Protein backbone atom coordinates (compact mmCIF):
# COMPACT_ATOMS: atom_id res chain seq x y z
CA UNK A 1 -6.04 24.15 11.16
CA UNK A 2 -4.07 23.57 7.97
CA UNK A 3 -6.11 22.79 4.85
CA UNK A 4 -5.27 19.46 3.19
CA UNK A 5 -3.66 19.74 -0.23
CA UNK A 6 -4.67 17.62 -3.19
CA UNK A 7 -2.30 14.71 -3.78
CA UNK A 8 -2.29 13.54 -7.37
CA UNK A 9 0.95 11.61 -7.76
CA UNK A 10 2.36 8.53 -6.14
CA UNK A 11 5.42 10.44 -4.96
CA UNK A 12 3.21 13.06 -3.25
CA UNK A 13 1.26 10.40 -1.36
CA UNK A 14 4.43 8.50 -0.38
CA UNK A 15 5.99 11.75 0.88
CA UNK A 16 2.88 12.55 2.93
CA UNK A 17 3.00 9.04 4.40
CA UNK A 18 6.68 9.52 5.26
CA UNK A 19 5.86 12.82 6.99
CA UNK A 20 3.27 10.96 9.07
CA UNK A 21 5.85 8.31 10.05
CA UNK A 22 4.61 5.60 7.68
CA UNK A 23 7.78 4.25 6.10
CA UNK A 24 7.28 0.50 6.22
CA UNK A 25 6.60 -1.20 2.90
CA UNK A 26 5.26 -4.73 2.76
CA UNK A 27 6.51 -6.65 -0.27
CA UNK A 28 6.46 -10.13 -1.72
CA UNK A 29 9.89 -11.56 -0.90
CA UNK A 30 11.94 -14.26 -2.66
CA UNK A 31 10.20 -16.91 -0.53
CA UNK A 32 6.80 -15.73 -1.85
CA UNK A 33 5.90 -14.31 1.59
CA UNK A 34 4.57 -10.83 2.21
CA UNK A 35 7.08 -9.18 4.52
CA UNK A 36 8.32 -5.87 5.87
CA UNK A 37 12.09 -5.76 5.97
CA UNK A 38 11.97 -2.58 8.07
CA UNK A 39 9.81 -4.24 10.74
CA UNK A 40 11.32 -7.71 10.36
CA UNK A 41 7.87 -9.29 10.04
CA UNK A 42 6.08 -11.59 7.63
CA UNK A 43 2.33 -11.38 7.28
CA UNK A 44 -0.69 -13.48 6.47
CA UNK A 45 -3.72 -11.65 5.02
CA UNK A 46 -5.59 -11.94 8.32
CA UNK A 47 -2.72 -10.08 10.07
CA UNK A 48 -3.62 -6.91 8.14
CA UNK A 49 -6.55 -4.58 7.62
CA UNK A 50 -6.76 -2.70 4.31
CA UNK A 51 -8.30 0.71 4.92
CA UNK A 52 -7.30 2.92 2.01
CA UNK A 53 -6.39 2.43 -1.65
CA UNK A 54 -4.92 4.89 -4.14
CA UNK A 55 -4.83 4.17 -7.87
CA UNK A 56 -2.48 6.10 -10.14
CA UNK A 57 -2.63 6.11 -13.93
CA UNK A 58 -0.02 7.73 -16.13
CA UNK A 59 -1.36 10.14 -18.73
CA UNK A 60 0.76 8.76 -21.52
CA UNK A 61 2.77 5.84 -20.14
CA UNK A 62 0.96 2.64 -19.06
CA UNK A 63 4.13 1.82 -17.10
CA UNK A 64 3.06 4.52 -14.62
CA UNK A 65 -0.04 2.56 -13.55
CA UNK A 66 0.17 1.60 -9.88
CA UNK A 67 -1.90 0.94 -6.80
CA UNK A 68 -0.94 1.91 -3.25
CA UNK A 69 -2.65 -0.01 -0.45
CA UNK A 70 -2.57 1.41 3.09
CA UNK A 71 -2.81 -1.34 5.72
CA UNK A 72 -2.70 -1.67 9.49
CA UNK A 73 -1.36 -4.75 11.24
CA UNK A 74 -2.75 -6.37 14.39
CA UNK A 75 -0.38 -4.26 16.54
CA UNK A 76 -1.69 -1.02 15.01
CA UNK A 77 1.38 -0.36 12.82
CA UNK A 78 0.46 1.30 9.52
CA UNK A 79 2.37 0.22 6.40
CA UNK A 80 1.86 0.30 2.67
CA UNK A 81 1.88 -2.16 -0.19
CA UNK A 82 2.80 -0.82 -3.64
CA UNK A 83 2.06 -2.58 -6.91
CA UNK A 84 2.31 -1.75 -10.58
CA UNK A 85 -0.65 -3.27 -12.37
CA UNK A 86 -1.49 -4.55 -15.79
CA UNK A 87 1.27 -5.67 -18.10
CA UNK A 88 3.83 -3.93 -15.87
CA UNK A 89 3.07 -5.86 -12.69
CA UNK A 90 6.14 -6.77 -10.68
CA UNK A 91 4.76 -10.14 -9.61
CA UNK A 92 4.89 -13.48 -11.38
CA UNK A 93 2.36 -16.06 -10.31
CA UNK A 94 -0.82 -15.65 -8.28
CA UNK A 95 0.67 -15.20 -4.78
CA UNK A 96 0.54 -11.40 -4.62
CA UNK A 97 -2.97 -11.05 -6.05
CA UNK A 98 -4.27 -13.90 -3.87
CA UNK A 99 -2.80 -12.25 -0.78
CA UNK A 100 -4.31 -8.82 -1.55
CA UNK A 101 -7.76 -10.31 -2.22
CA UNK A 102 -7.76 -12.02 1.19
CA UNK A 103 -6.90 -8.95 3.30
CA UNK A 104 -9.95 -7.83 5.29
CA UNK A 105 -11.05 -4.30 4.40
CA UNK A 106 -12.52 -1.41 6.33
CA UNK A 107 -13.67 1.90 4.90
CA UNK A 108 -12.06 4.79 6.79
CA UNK A 109 -12.97 7.78 4.67
CA UNK A 110 -13.02 9.93 7.80
CA UNK A 111 -9.68 8.70 9.09
CA UNK A 112 -7.06 11.37 9.77
CA UNK A 113 -3.94 9.86 8.23
CA UNK A 114 -3.65 12.70 5.70
CA UNK A 115 -4.96 15.65 7.70
């Protein structure tokens, strides 16, 4: 069995997700709805389950601060939500933060997404 390698950058984690077939990003669209263009779906918080979070902090550039949320929808499709945080957040208004706070969570430390 192959040993997992340490992933320390956002690009490393996104590449590992891509290798596992996770290529659907859920974003806040112009209508203030959380949607996946790739899947052609819009979501409510209760349509998703948040099971893993990665936080990245740049060593010298606060603009590198981001959070990657790994979610599963009610049909079992895994997607991700990416957000810069702090002063560099991409979102105006409370819609994004309110949505994220309402997603049910489940701890899956033993899940095999990255094995």
